[in-house]
Amino acid sequence: MVPAREAWRVGSGVCQDHVHVMLGCARLMGLPGRYVSGYLHSDDETHLASHAWAEIYLDGAWQTFDVTNNLIQPTHHIRLAIGMDYLDACPIRGIRCGGGEEVMDASVEVQYAPIDQ
């Protein structure tokens, strides 16, 4: 992840960078915006990593924008955290003290569950 200004300058970045650029633009226009982290549900294994998107407050409601995938009001996004930026809503964060080696391993499994009506 790079600062929004740098992502804008080079014209590329990862989803977190795209969200920061969009939020910066929205906020310059006086629109409230928030950073969202989570996952995408897909039928294959293309989206097993965490993802980020923006929500902008328009017309009395929060509207979802996945800038990376060019989607408005997507239906396959699973929200984990909301904040002002990545540091407010990062999926995992902490401090490690001490010596030795460590390896972090994570896996994601998402499936639809029926909703009783």
PDB file of N, CA and C in Angstrom:
ATOM      1  N   MET A   1       0.846  -1.171   0.000  1.00  0.00           N
ATOM      2  CA  MET A   1       0.000   0.000   0.000  1.00  0.00           C
ATOM      3  C   MET A   1       0.891   1.233   0.000  1.00  0.00           C
ATOM      4  N   VAL A   2       0.536   2.209  -0.814  1.00  0.00           N
ATOM      5  CA  VAL A   2       1.267   3.475  -0.889  1.00  0.00           C
ATOM      6  C   VAL A   2       0.302   4.611  -0.558  1.00  0.00           C
ATOM      7  N   PRO A   3       0.815   5.793  -0.220  1.00  0.00           N
ATOM      8  CA  PRO A   3      -0.089   6.925   0.017  1.00  0.00           C
ATOM      9  C   PRO A   3      -0.943   7.218  -1.210  1.00  0.00           C
ATOM     10  N   ALA A   4      -2.145   7.739  -0.999  1.00  0.00           N
ATOM     11  CA  ALA A   4      -3.069   8.017  -2.098  1.00  0.00           C
ATOM     12  C   ALA A   4      -2.431   8.932  -3.143  1.00  0.00           C
ATOM     13  N   ARG A   5      -1.690   9.916  -2.698  1.00  0.00           N
ATOM     14  CA  ARG A   5      -1.043  10.847  -3.635  1.00  0.00           C
ATOM     15  C   ARG A   5      -0.095  10.105  -4.577  1.00  0.00           C
ATOM     16  N   GLU A   6       0.669   9.139  -4.032  1.00  0.00           N
ATOM     17  CA  GLU A   6       1.606   8.365  -4.843  1.00  0.00           C
ATOM     18  C   GLU A   6       0.863   7.434  -5.803  1.00  0.00           C
ATOM     19  N   ALA A   7      -0.199   6.778  -5.322  1.00  0.00           N
ATOM     20  CA  ALA A   7      -0.996   5.905  -6.190  1.00  0.00           C
ATOM     21  C   ALA A   7      -1.598   6.701  -7.344  1.00  0.00           C
ATOM     22  N   TRP A   8      -2.057   7.901  -7.066  1.00  0.00           N
ATOM     23  CA  TRP A   8      -2.626   8.761  -8.110  1.00  0.00           C
ATOM     24  C   TRP A   8      -1.536   9.150  -9.118  1.00  0.00           C
ATOM     25  N   ARG A   9      -0.370   9.499  -8.608  1.00  0.00           N
ATOM     26  CA  ARG A   9       0.726   9.937  -9.472  1.00  0.00           C
ATOM     27  C   ARG A   9       1.168   8.839 -10.430  1.00  0.00           C
ATOM     28  N   VAL A  10       1.334   7.595  -9.923  1.00  0.00           N
ATOM     29  CA  VAL A  10       1.813   6.511 -10.779  1.00  0.00           C
ATOM     30  C   VAL A  10       0.681   5.832 -11.543  1.00  0.00           C
ATOM     31  N   GLY A  11      -0.557   6.078 -11.143  1.00  0.00           N
ATOM     32  CA  GLY A  11      -1.706   5.529 -11.863  1.00  0.00           C
ATOM     33  C   GLY A  11      -1.932   4.049 -11.637  1.00  0.00           C
ATOM     34  N   SER A  12      -1.413   3.522 -10.526  1.00  0.00           N
ATOM     35  CA  SER A  12      -1.630   2.104 -10.238  1.00  0.00           C
ATOM     36  C   SER A  12      -1.538   1.867  -8.743  1.00  0.00           C
ATOM     37  N   GLY A  13      -1.909   0.670  -8.347  1.00  0.00           N
ATOM     38  CA  GLY A  13      -1.836   0.287  -6.943  1.00  0.00           C
ATOM     39  C   GLY A  13      -2.739  -0.909  -6.688  1.00  0.00           C
ATOM     40  N   VAL A  14      -2.858  -1.263  -5.439  1.00  0.00           N
ATOM     41  CA  VAL A  14      -3.733  -2.372  -5.032  1.00  0.00           C
ATOM     42  C   VAL A  14      -5.053  -1.791  -4.549  1.00  0.00           C
ATOM     43  N   CYS A  15      -5.984  -2.665  -4.190  1.00  0.00           N
ATOM     44  CA  CYS A  15      -7.326  -2.210  -3.822  1.00  0.00           C
ATOM     45  C   CYS A  15      -7.303  -1.165  -2.708  1.00  0.00           C
ATOM     46  N   GLN A  16      -6.418  -1.318  -1.736  1.00  0.00           N
ATOM     47  CA  GLN A  16      -6.338  -0.346  -0.646  1.00  0.00           C
ATOM     48  C   GLN A  16      -5.972   1.041  -1.178  1.00  0.00           C
ATOM     49  N   ASP A  17      -5.060   1.080  -2.145  1.00  0.00           N
ATOM     50  CA  ASP A  17      -4.659   2.353  -2.752  1.00  0.00           C
ATOM     51  C   ASP A  17      -5.824   2.987  -3.506  1.00  0.00           C
ATOM     52  N   HIS A  18      -6.552   2.173  -4.263  1.00  0.00           N
ATOM     53  CA  HIS A  18      -7.691   2.673  -5.030  1.00  0.00           C
ATOM     54  C   HIS A  18      -8.727   3.297  -4.101  1.00  0.00           C
ATOM     55  N   VAL A  19      -8.980   2.641  -2.975  1.00  0.00           N
ATOM     56  CA  VAL A  19      -9.969   3.153  -2.014  1.00  0.00           C
ATOM     57  C   VAL A  19      -9.492   4.473  -1.426  1.00  0.00           C
ATOM     58  N   HIS A  20      -8.228   4.574  -1.073  1.00  0.00           N
ATOM     59  CA  HIS A  20      -7.725   5.823  -0.505  1.00  0.00           C
ATOM     60  C   HIS A  20      -7.833   6.982  -1.499  1.00  0.00           C
ATOM     61  N   VAL A  21      -7.555   6.733  -2.775  1.00  0.00           N
ATOM     62  CA  VAL A  21      -7.693   7.774  -3.790  1.00  0.00           C
ATOM     63  C   VAL A  21      -9.160   8.184  -3.897  1.00  0.00           C
ATOM     64  N   MET A  22     -10.065   7.230  -3.960  1.00  0.00           N
ATOM     65  CA  MET A  22     -11.496   7.565  -4.080  1.00  0.00           C
ATOM     66  C   MET A  22     -11.974   8.351  -2.863  1.00  0.00           C
ATOM     67  N   LEU A  23     -11.575   7.912  -1.675  1.00  0.00           N
ATOM     68  CA  LEU A  23     -11.998   8.616  -0.466  1.00  0.00           C
ATOM     69  C   LEU A  23     -11.436  10.036  -0.430  1.00  0.00           C
ATOM     70  N   GLY A  24     -10.194  10.202  -0.865  1.00  0.00           N
ATOM     71  CA  GLY A  24      -9.616  11.540  -0.924  1.00  0.00           C
ATOM     72  C   GLY A  24     -10.405  12.453  -1.848  1.00  0.00           C
ATOM     73  N   CYS A  25     -10.776  11.942  -3.007  1.00  0.00           N
ATOM     74  CA  CYS A  25     -11.568  12.732  -3.964  1.00  0.00           C
ATOM     75  C   CYS A  25     -12.943  13.061  -3.398  1.00  0.00           C
ATOM     76  N   ALA A  26     -13.609  12.064  -2.820  1.00  0.00           N
ATOM     77  CA  ALA A  26     -14.945  12.283  -2.249  1.00  0.00           C
ATOM     78  C   ALA A  26     -14.900  13.327  -1.141  1.00  0.00           C
ATOM     79  N   ARG A  27     -13.910  13.204  -0.272  1.00  0.00           N
ATOM     80  CA  ARG A  27     -13.807  14.138   0.857  1.00  0.00           C
ATOM     81  C   ARG A  27     -13.488  15.550   0.383  1.00  0.00           C
ATOM     82  N   LEU A  28     -12.679  15.688  -0.691  1.00  0.00           N
ATOM     83  CA  LEU A  28     -12.426  17.009  -1.260  1.00  0.00           C
ATOM     84  C   LEU A  28     -13.705  17.640  -1.796  1.00  0.00           C
ATOM     85  N   MET A  29     -14.642  16.812  -2.232  1.00  0.00           N
ATOM     86  CA  MET A  29     -15.928  17.289  -2.728  1.00  0.00           C
ATOM     87  C   MET A  29     -16.933  17.503  -1.592  1.00  0.00           C
ATOM     88  N   GLY A  30     -16.504  17.260  -0.362  1.00  0.00           N
ATOM     89  CA  GLY A  30     -17.400  17.449   0.778  1.00  0.00           C
ATOM     90  C   GLY A  30     -18.323  16.279   1.053  1.00  0.00           C
ATOM     91  N   LEU A  31     -18.023  15.126   0.461  1.00  0.00           N
ATOM     92  CA  LEU A  31     -18.860  13.937   0.654  1.00  0.00           C
ATOM     93  C   LEU A  31     -18.247  13.043   1.726  1.00  0.00           C
ATOM     94  N   PRO A  32     -19.016  12.634   2.713  1.00  0.00           N
ATOM     95  CA  PRO A  32     -18.491  11.696   3.712  1.00  0.00           C
ATOM     96  C   PRO A  32     -18.167  10.354   3.058  1.00  0.00           C
ATOM     97  N   GLY A  33     -17.034   9.793   3.414  1.00  0.00           N
ATOM     98  CA  GLY A  33     -16.641   8.507   2.868  1.00  0.00           C
ATOM     99  C   GLY A  33     -15.998   7.649   3.928  1.00  0.00           C
ATOM    100  N   ARG A  34     -16.129   6.342   3.763  1.00  0.00           N
ATOM    101  CA  ARG A  34     -15.505   5.420   4.708  1.00  0.00           C
ATOM    102  C   ARG A  34     -14.861   4.256   3.967  1.00  0.00           C
ATOM    103  N   TYR A  35     -13.820   3.741   4.587  1.00  0.00           N
ATOM    104  CA  TYR A  35     -13.024   2.624   4.077  1.00  0.00           C
ATOM    105  C   TYR A  35     -13.626   1.335   4.624  1.00  0.00           C
ATOM    106  N   VAL A  36     -13.803   0.340   3.767  1.00  0.00           N
ATOM    107  CA  VAL A  36     -14.362  -0.938   4.184  1.00  0.00           C
ATOM    108  C   VAL A  36     -13.397  -2.053   3.808  1.00  0.00           C
ATOM    109  N   SER A  37     -13.128  -2.951   4.751  1.00  0.00           N
ATOM    110  CA  SER A  37     -12.318  -4.129   4.442  1.00  0.00           C
ATOM    111  C   SER A  37     -13.179  -5.370   4.604  1.00  0.00           C
ATOM    112  N   GLY A  38     -12.842  -6.388   3.840  1.00  0.00           N
ATOM    113  CA  GLY A  38     -13.604  -7.631   3.907  1.00  0.00           C
ATOM    114  C   GLY A  38     -13.138  -8.615   2.857  1.00  0.00           C
ATOM    115  N   TYR A  39     -14.086  -9.389   2.372  1.00  0.00           N
ATOM    116  CA  TYR A  39     -13.798 -10.423   1.380  1.00  0.00           C
ATOM    117  C   TYR A  39     -14.854 -10.400   0.292  1.00  0.00           C
ATOM    118  N   LEU A  40     -14.531 -11.014  -0.835  1.00  0.00           N
ATOM    119  CA  LEU A  40     -15.473 -11.205  -1.924  1.00  0.00           C
ATOM    120  C   LEU A  40     -15.876 -12.665  -1.965  1.00  0.00           C
ATOM    121  N   HIS A  41     -17.142 -12.922  -2.208  1.00  0.00           N
ATOM    122  CA  HIS A  41     -17.579 -14.300  -2.422  1.00  0.00           C
ATOM    123  C   HIS A  41     -17.544 -14.568  -3.916  1.00  0.00           C
ATOM    124  N   SER A  42     -16.879 -15.649  -4.310  1.00  0.00           N
ATOM    125  CA  SER A  42     -16.862 -16.053  -5.711  1.00  0.00           C
ATOM    126  C   SER A  42     -16.931 -17.573  -5.767  1.00  0.00           C
ATOM    127  N   ASP A  43     -17.346 -18.074  -6.904  1.00  0.00           N
ATOM    128  CA  ASP A  43     -17.490 -19.518  -7.071  1.00  0.00           C
ATOM    129  C   ASP A  43     -16.162 -20.218  -7.317  1.00  0.00           C
ATOM    130  N   ASP A  44     -15.112 -19.471  -7.541  1.00  0.00           N
ATOM    131  CA  ASP A  44     -13.794 -20.074  -7.728  1.00  0.00           C
ATOM    132  C   ASP A  44     -12.837 -19.505  -6.683  1.00  0.00           C
ATOM    133  N   GLU A  45     -11.567 -19.697  -6.856  1.00  0.00           N
ATOM    134  CA  GLU A  45     -10.593 -19.276  -5.856  1.00  0.00           C
ATOM    135  C   GLU A  45      -9.870 -17.980  -6.233  1.00  0.00           C
ATOM    136  N   THR A  46     -10.497 -17.128  -7.034  1.00  0.00           N
ATOM    137  CA  THR A  46      -9.827 -15.919  -7.488  1.00  0.00           C
ATOM    138  C   THR A  46      -9.780 -14.818  -6.440  1.00  0.00           C
ATOM    139  N   HIS A  47     -10.627 -14.866  -5.431  1.00  0.00           N
ATOM    140  CA  HIS A  47     -10.690 -13.782  -4.448  1.00  0.00           C
ATOM    141  C   HIS A  47     -10.559 -14.309  -3.023  1.00  0.00           C
ATOM    142  N   LEU A  48      -9.522 -15.059  -2.742  1.00  0.00           N
ATOM    143  CA  LEU A  48      -9.356 -15.603  -1.403  1.00  0.00           C
ATOM    144  C   LEU A  48      -8.592 -14.670  -0.462  1.00  0.00           C
ATOM    145  N   ALA A  49      -8.066 -13.591  -0.963  1.00  0.00           N
ATOM    146  CA  ALA A  49      -7.368 -12.623  -0.116  1.00  0.00           C
ATOM    147  C   ALA A  49      -8.352 -11.557   0.361  1.00  0.00           C
ATOM    148  N   SER A  50      -7.937 -10.802   1.358  1.00  0.00           N
ATOM    149  CA  SER A  50      -8.797  -9.718   1.818  1.00  0.00           C
ATOM    150  C   SER A  50      -8.935  -8.680   0.707  1.00  0.00           C
ATOM    151  N   HIS A  51      -9.985  -7.876   0.806  1.00  0.00           N
ATOM    152  CA  HIS A  51     -10.291  -6.887  -0.220  1.00  0.00           C
ATOM    153  C   HIS A  51     -10.710  -5.594   0.472  1.00  0.00           C
ATOM    154  N   ALA A  52     -10.716  -4.504  -0.258  1.00  0.00           N
ATOM    155  CA  ALA A  52     -11.146  -3.222   0.284  1.00  0.00           C
ATOM    156  C   ALA A  52     -11.990  -2.486  -0.741  1.00  0.00           C
ATOM    157  N   TRP A  53     -12.950  -1.710  -0.253  1.00  0.00           N
ATOM    158  CA  TRP A  53     -13.792  -0.885  -1.105  1.00  0.00           C
ATOM    159  C   TRP A  53     -14.231   0.341  -0.317  1.00  0.00           C
ATOM    160  N   ALA A  54     -14.894   1.260  -0.995  1.00  0.00           N
ATOM    161  CA  ALA A  54     -15.306   2.512  -0.368  1.00  0.00           C
ATOM    162  C   ALA A  54     -16.820   2.573  -0.251  1.00  0.00           C
ATOM    163  N   GLU A  55     -17.258   3.314   0.740  1.00  0.00           N
ATOM    164  CA  GLU A  55     -18.670   3.663   0.854  1.00  0.00           C
ATOM    165  C   GLU A  55     -18.750   5.182   0.987  1.00  0.00           C
ATOM    166  N   ILE A  56     -19.588   5.787   0.154  1.00  0.00           N
ATOM    167  CA  ILE A  56     -19.774   7.230   0.127  1.00  0.00           C
ATOM    168  C   ILE A  56     -21.221   7.521   0.498  1.00  0.00           C
ATOM    169  N   TYR A  57     -21.426   8.518   1.360  1.00  0.00           N
ATOM    170  CA  TYR A  57     -22.779   8.877   1.798  1.00  0.00           C
ATOM    171  C   TYR A  57     -23.396   9.817   0.768  1.00  0.00           C
ATOM    172  N   LEU A  58     -24.373   9.305   0.020  1.00  0.00           N
ATOM    173  CA  LEU A  58     -25.057  10.050  -1.040  1.00  0.00           C
ATOM    174  C   LEU A  58     -26.563   9.889  -0.895  1.00  0.00           C
ATOM    175  N   ASP A  59     -27.292  10.951  -1.067  1.00  0.00           N
ATOM    176  CA  ASP A  59     -28.752  10.908  -1.069  1.00  0.00           C
ATOM    177  C   ASP A  59     -29.316  10.207   0.164  1.00  0.00           C
ATOM    178  N   GLY A  60     -28.720  10.454   1.322  1.00  0.00           N
ATOM    179  CA  GLY A  60     -29.244   9.933   2.579  1.00  0.00           C
ATOM    180  C   GLY A  60     -28.925   8.483   2.887  1.00  0.00           C
ATOM    181  N   ALA A  61     -28.002   7.872   2.144  1.00  0.00           N
ATOM    182  CA  ALA A  61     -27.651   6.460   2.402  1.00  0.00           C
ATOM    183  C   ALA A  61     -26.199   6.211   1.991  1.00  0.00           C
ATOM    184  N   TRP A  62     -25.582   5.190   2.615  1.00  0.00           N
ATOM    185  CA  TRP A  62     -24.226   4.786   2.238  1.00  0.00           C
ATOM    186  C   TRP A  62     -24.281   3.970   0.961  1.00  0.00           C
ATOM    187  N   GLN A  63     -23.563   4.420  -0.053  1.00  0.00           N
ATOM    188  CA  GLN A  63     -23.485   3.735  -1.345  1.00  0.00           C
ATOM    189  C   GLN A  63     -22.119   3.058  -1.453  1.00  0.00           C
ATOM    190  N   THR A  64     -22.108   1.819  -1.933  1.00  0.00           N
ATOM    191  CA  THR A  64     -20.878   1.034  -2.013  1.00  0.00           C
ATOM    192  C   THR A  64     -20.243   1.144  -3.390  1.00  0.00           C
ATOM    193  N   PHE A  65     -18.917   1.348  -3.399  1.00  0.00           N
ATOM    194  CA  PHE A  65     -18.150   1.450  -4.641  1.00  0.00           C
ATOM    195  C   PHE A  65     -16.906   0.580  -4.534  1.00  0.00           C
ATOM    196  N   ASP A  66     -16.841  -0.449  -5.366  1.00  0.00           N
ATOM    197  CA  ASP A  66     -15.630  -1.262  -5.462  1.00  0.00           C
ATOM    198  C   ASP A  66     -14.857  -0.735  -6.660  1.00  0.00           C
ATOM    199  N   VAL A  67     -13.951   0.191  -6.403  1.00  0.00           N
ATOM    200  CA  VAL A  67     -13.221   0.867  -7.466  1.00  0.00           C
ATOM    201  C   VAL A  67     -12.332  -0.111  -8.230  1.00  0.00           C
ATOM    202  N   THR A  68     -11.732  -1.051  -7.528  1.00  0.00           N
ATOM    203  CA  THR A  68     -10.822  -2.009  -8.152  1.00  0.00           C
ATOM    204  C   THR A  68     -11.522  -2.855  -9.208  1.00  0.00           C
ATOM    205  N   ASN A  69     -12.750  -3.291  -8.906  1.00  0.00           N
ATOM    206  CA  ASN A  69     -13.497  -4.151  -9.823  1.00  0.00           C
ATOM    207  C   ASN A  69     -14.557  -3.402 -10.617  1.00  0.00           C
ATOM    208  N   ASN A  70     -14.553  -2.050 -10.520  1.00  0.00           N
ATOM    209  CA  ASN A  70     -15.493  -1.211 -11.261  1.00  0.00           C
ATOM    210  C   ASN A  70     -16.947  -1.617 -10.996  1.00  0.00           C
ATOM    211  N   LEU A  71     -17.301  -1.767  -9.720  1.00  0.00           N
ATOM    212  CA  LEU A  71     -18.653  -2.179  -9.327  1.00  0.00           C
ATOM    213  C   LEU A  71     -19.300  -1.124  -8.437  1.00  0.00           C
ATOM    214  N   ILE A  72     -20.580  -0.891  -8.675  1.00  0.00           N
ATOM    215  CA  ILE A  72     -21.377  -0.018  -7.819  1.00  0.00           C
ATOM    216  C   ILE A  72     -22.460  -0.878  -7.184  1.00  0.00           C
ATOM    217  N   GLN A  73     -22.605  -0.773  -5.859  1.00  0.00           N
ATOM    218  CA  GLN A  73     -23.563  -1.574  -5.097  1.00  0.00           C
ATOM    219  C   GLN A  73     -23.384  -3.075  -5.368  1.00  0.00           C
ATOM    220  N   PRO A  74     -22.181  -3.600  -5.169  1.00  0.00           N
ATOM    221  CA  PRO A  74     -21.940  -5.026  -5.426  1.00  0.00           C
ATOM    222  C   PRO A  74     -22.709  -5.914  -4.444  1.00  0.00           C
ATOM    223  N   THR A  75     -22.916  -7.156  -4.837  1.00  0.00           N
ATOM    224  CA  THR A  75     -23.711  -8.089  -4.030  1.00  0.00           C
ATOM    225  C   THR A  75     -22.893  -9.202  -3.400  1.00  0.00           C
ATOM    226  N   HIS A  76     -21.625  -9.327  -3.740  1.00  0.00           N
ATOM    227  CA  HIS A  76     -20.821 -10.444  -3.247  1.00  0.00           C
ATOM    228  C   HIS A  76     -19.715 -10.010  -2.281  1.00  0.00           C
ATOM    229  N   HIS A  77     -19.909  -8.885  -1.630  1.00  0.00           N
ATOM    230  CA  HIS A  77     -18.916  -8.355  -0.706  1.00  0.00           C
ATOM    231  C   HIS A  77     -19.310  -8.669   0.733  1.00  0.00           C
ATOM    232  N   ILE A  78     -18.350  -9.125   1.505  1.00  0.00           N
ATOM    233  CA  ILE A  78     -18.575  -9.483   2.906  1.00  0.00           C
ATOM    234  C   ILE A  78     -17.774  -8.499   3.758  1.00  0.00           C
ATOM    235  N   ARG A  79     -18.481  -7.647   4.467  1.00  0.00           N
ATOM    236  CA  ARG A  79     -17.857  -6.576   5.249  1.00  0.00           C
ATOM    237  C   ARG A  79     -17.317  -7.120   6.567  1.00  0.00           C
ATOM    238  N   LEU A  80     -16.050  -6.792   6.856  1.00  0.00           N
ATOM    239  CA  LEU A  80     -15.440  -7.138   8.141  1.00  0.00           C
ATOM    240  C   LEU A  80     -15.295  -5.928   9.041  1.00  0.00           C
ATOM    241  N   ALA A  81     -14.833  -4.809   8.483  1.00  0.00           N
ATOM    242  CA  ALA A  81     -14.567  -3.628   9.301  1.00  0.00           C
ATOM    243  C   ALA A  81     -14.756  -2.362   8.477  1.00  0.00           C
ATOM    244  N   ILE A  82     -15.096  -1.284   9.177  1.00  0.00           N
ATOM    245  CA  ILE A  82     -15.293   0.029   8.554  1.00  0.00           C
ATOM    246  C   ILE A  82     -14.473   1.047   9.333  1.00  0.00           C
ATOM    247  N   GLY A  83     -13.842   1.989   8.622  1.00  0.00           N
ATOM    248  CA  GLY A  83     -13.083   3.039   9.286  1.00  0.00           C
ATOM    249  C   GLY A  83     -12.826   4.195   8.340  1.00  0.00           C
ATOM    250  N   MET A  84     -12.038   5.136   8.804  1.00  0.00           N
ATOM    251  CA  MET A  84     -11.685   6.298   7.984  1.00  0.00           C
ATOM    252  C   MET A  84     -10.651   5.944   6.905  1.00  0.00           C
ATOM    253  N   ASP A  85      -9.804   4.935   7.204  1.00  0.00           N
ATOM    254  CA  ASP A  85      -8.750   4.534   6.276  1.00  0.00           C
ATOM    255  C   ASP A  85      -8.315   3.107   6.605  1.00  0.00           C
ATOM    256  N   TYR A  86      -7.262   2.642   5.926  1.00  0.00           N
ATOM    257  CA  TYR A  86      -6.796   1.262   6.112  1.00  0.00           C
ATOM    258  C   TYR A  86      -6.472   0.954   7.571  1.00  0.00           C
ATOM    259  N   LEU A  87      -5.786   1.855   8.250  1.00  0.00           N
ATOM    260  CA  LEU A  87      -5.395   1.586   9.635  1.00  0.00           C
ATOM    261  C   LEU A  87      -6.582   1.447  10.571  1.00  0.00           C
ATOM    262  N   ASP A  88      -7.690   2.104  10.250  1.00  0.00           N
ATOM    263  CA  ASP A  88      -8.915   1.963  11.058  1.00  0.00           C
ATOM    264  C   ASP A  88      -9.622   0.639  10.799  1.00  0.00           C
ATOM    265  N   ALA A  89      -9.461   0.078   9.598  1.00  0.00           N
ATOM    266  CA  ALA A  89     -10.263  -1.082   9.209  1.00  0.00           C
ATOM    267  C   ALA A  89      -9.444  -2.239   8.661  1.00  0.00           C
ATOM    268  N   CYS A  90      -8.162  -2.313   9.009  1.00  0.00           N
ATOM    269  CA  CYS A  90      -7.349  -3.410   8.480  1.00  0.00           C
ATOM    270  C   CYS A  90      -7.817  -4.741   9.092  1.00  0.00           C
ATOM    271  N   PRO A  91      -7.748  -5.811   8.310  1.00  0.00           N
ATOM    272  CA  PRO A  91      -8.282  -7.102   8.763  1.00  0.00           C
ATOM    273  C   PRO A  91      -7.507  -7.719   9.920  1.00  0.00           C
ATOM    274  N   ILE A  92      -6.218  -7.431  10.012  1.00  0.00           N
ATOM    275  CA  ILE A  92      -5.418  -7.946  11.123  1.00  0.00           C
ATOM    276  C   ILE A  92      -4.307  -6.944  11.402  1.00  0.00           C
ATOM    277  N   ARG A  93      -4.042  -6.752  12.691  1.00  0.00           N
ATOM    278  CA  ARG A  93      -3.036  -5.769  13.070  1.00  0.00           C
ATOM    279  C   ARG A  93      -2.550  -6.097  14.466  1.00  0.00           C
ATOM    280  N   GLY A  94      -1.304  -5.883  14.724  1.00  0.00           N
ATOM    281  CA  GLY A  94      -0.788  -6.148  16.055  1.00  0.00           C
ATOM    282  C   GLY A  94       0.694  -5.873  16.148  1.00  0.00           C
ATOM    283  N   ILE A  95       1.224  -6.163  17.303  1.00  0.00           N
ATOM    284  CA  ILE A  95       2.640  -5.974  17.575  1.00  0.00           C
ATOM    285  C   ILE A  95       3.199  -7.292  18.084  1.00  0.00           C
ATOM    286  N   ARG A  96       4.350  -7.663  17.573  1.00  0.00           N
ATOM    287  CA  ARG A  96       5.003  -8.890  18.009  1.00  0.00           C
ATOM    288  C   ARG A  96       6.275  -8.508  18.724  1.00  0.00           C
ATOM    289  N   CYS A  97       6.476  -9.057  19.893  1.00  0.00           N
ATOM    290  CA  CYS A  97       7.687  -8.810  20.665  1.00  0.00           C
ATOM    291  C   CYS A  97       8.383 -10.146  20.923  1.00  0.00           C
ATOM    292  N   GLY A  98       9.695 -10.147  20.860  1.00  0.00           N
ATOM    293  CA  GLY A  98      10.431 -11.369  21.149  1.00  0.00           C
ATOM    294  C   GLY A  98      11.188 -11.872  19.945  1.00  0.00           C
ATOM    295  N   GLY A  99      11.973 -12.907  20.154  1.00  0.00           N
ATOM    296  CA  GLY A  99      12.798 -13.452  19.087  1.00  0.00           C
ATOM    297  C   GLY A  99      12.166 -14.673  18.459  1.00  0.00           C
ATOM    298  N   GLY A 100      12.943 -15.327  17.642  1.00  0.00           N
ATOM    299  CA  GLY A 100      12.482 -16.551  16.993  1.00  0.00           C
ATOM    300  C   GLY A 100      11.815 -16.283  15.665  1.00  0.00           C
ATOM    301  N   GLU A 101      11.475 -17.378  15.012  1.00  0.00           N
ATOM    302  CA  GLU A 101      10.804 -17.295  13.719  1.00  0.00           C
ATOM    303  C   GLU A 101       9.322 -17.528  13.887  1.00  0.00           C
ATOM    304  N   GLU A 102       8.564 -16.983  12.970  1.00  0.00           N
ATOM    305  CA  GLU A 102       7.134 -17.255  12.950  1.00  0.00           C
ATOM    306  C   GLU A 102       6.646 -17.186  11.523  1.00  0.00           C
ATOM    307  N   VAL A 103       5.549 -17.854  11.283  1.00  0.00           N
ATOM    308  CA  VAL A 103       4.901 -17.846   9.988  1.00  0.00           C
ATOM    309  C   VAL A 103       3.417 -17.646  10.225  1.00  0.00           C
ATOM    310  N   MET A 104       2.838 -16.733   9.484  1.00  0.00           N
ATOM    311  CA  MET A 104       1.396 -16.524   9.585  1.00  0.00           C
ATOM    312  C   MET A 104       0.747 -17.185   8.387  1.00  0.00           C
ATOM    313  N   ASP A 105      -0.267 -17.973   8.644  1.00  0.00           N
ATOM    314  CA  ASP A 105      -0.989 -18.666   7.588  1.00  0.00           C
ATOM    315  C   ASP A 105      -2.469 -18.414   7.803  1.00  0.00           C
ATOM    316  N   ALA A 106      -3.181 -18.135   6.727  1.00  0.00           N
ATOM    317  CA  ALA A 106      -4.615 -17.890   6.833  1.00  0.00           C
ATOM    318  C   ALA A 106      -5.318 -18.553   5.659  1.00  0.00           C
ATOM    319  N   SER A 107      -6.545 -18.921   5.882  1.00  0.00           N
ATOM    320  CA  SER A 107      -7.360 -19.446   4.791  1.00  0.00           C
ATOM    321  C   SER A 107      -8.752 -18.840   4.909  1.00  0.00           C
ATOM    322  N   VAL A 108      -9.426 -18.797   3.786  1.00  0.00           N
ATOM    323  CA  VAL A 108     -10.752 -18.188   3.739  1.00  0.00           C
ATOM    324  C   VAL A 108     -11.705 -19.167   3.093  1.00  0.00           C
ATOM    325  N   GLU A 109     -12.848 -19.343   3.705  1.00  0.00           N
ATOM    326  CA  GLU A 109     -13.923 -20.142   3.098  1.00  0.00           C
ATOM    327  C   GLU A 109     -15.212 -19.375   3.279  1.00  0.00           C
ATOM    328  N   VAL A 110     -15.859 -19.070   2.179  1.00  0.00           N
ATOM    329  CA  VAL A 110     -17.109 -18.323   2.209  1.00  0.00           C
ATOM    330  C   VAL A 110     -18.155 -19.146   1.484  1.00  0.00           C
ATOM    331  N   GLN A 111     -19.315 -19.254   2.082  1.00  0.00           N
ATOM    332  CA  GLN A 111     -20.426 -19.936   1.428  1.00  0.00           C
ATOM    333  C   GLN A 111     -21.735 -19.298   1.847  1.00  0.00           C
ATOM    334  N   TYR A 112     -22.691 -19.374   0.968  1.00  0.00           N
ATOM    335  CA  TYR A 112     -24.007 -18.836   1.272  1.00  0.00           C
ATOM    336  C   TYR A 112     -24.724 -19.757   2.257  1.00  0.00           C
ATOM    337  N   ALA A 113     -25.433 -19.152   3.168  1.00  0.00           N
ATOM    338  CA  ALA A 113     -26.246 -19.906   4.113  1.00  0.00           C
ATOM    339  C   ALA A 113     -27.695 -19.513   3.898  1.00  0.00           C
ATOM    340  N   PRO A 114     -28.609 -20.470   3.901  1.00  0.00           N
ATOM    341  CA  PRO A 114     -30.016 -20.112   3.700  1.00  0.00           C
ATOM    342  C   PRO A 114     -30.518 -19.265   4.868  1.00  0.00           C
ATOM    343  N   ILE A 115     -31.364 -18.313   4.538  1.00  0.00           N
ATOM    344  CA  ILE A 115     -31.958 -17.444   5.548  1.00  0.00           C
ATOM    345  C   ILE A 115     -33.414 -17.852   5.715  1.00  0.00           C
ATOM    346  N   ASP A 116     -33.782 -18.154   6.957  1.00  0.00           N
ATOM    347  CA  ASP A 116     -35.189 -18.497   7.235  1.00  0.00           C
ATOM    348  C   ASP A 116     -36.034 -17.257   7.099  1.00  0.00           C
ATOM    349  N   GLN A 117     -37.141 -17.409   6.411  1.00  0.00           N
ATOM    350  CA  GLN A 117     -38.024 -16.247   6.206  1.00  0.00           C
ATOM    351  C   GLN A 117     -39.300 -16.389   6.961  1.00  0.00           C
TER     352      GLN A 117
END
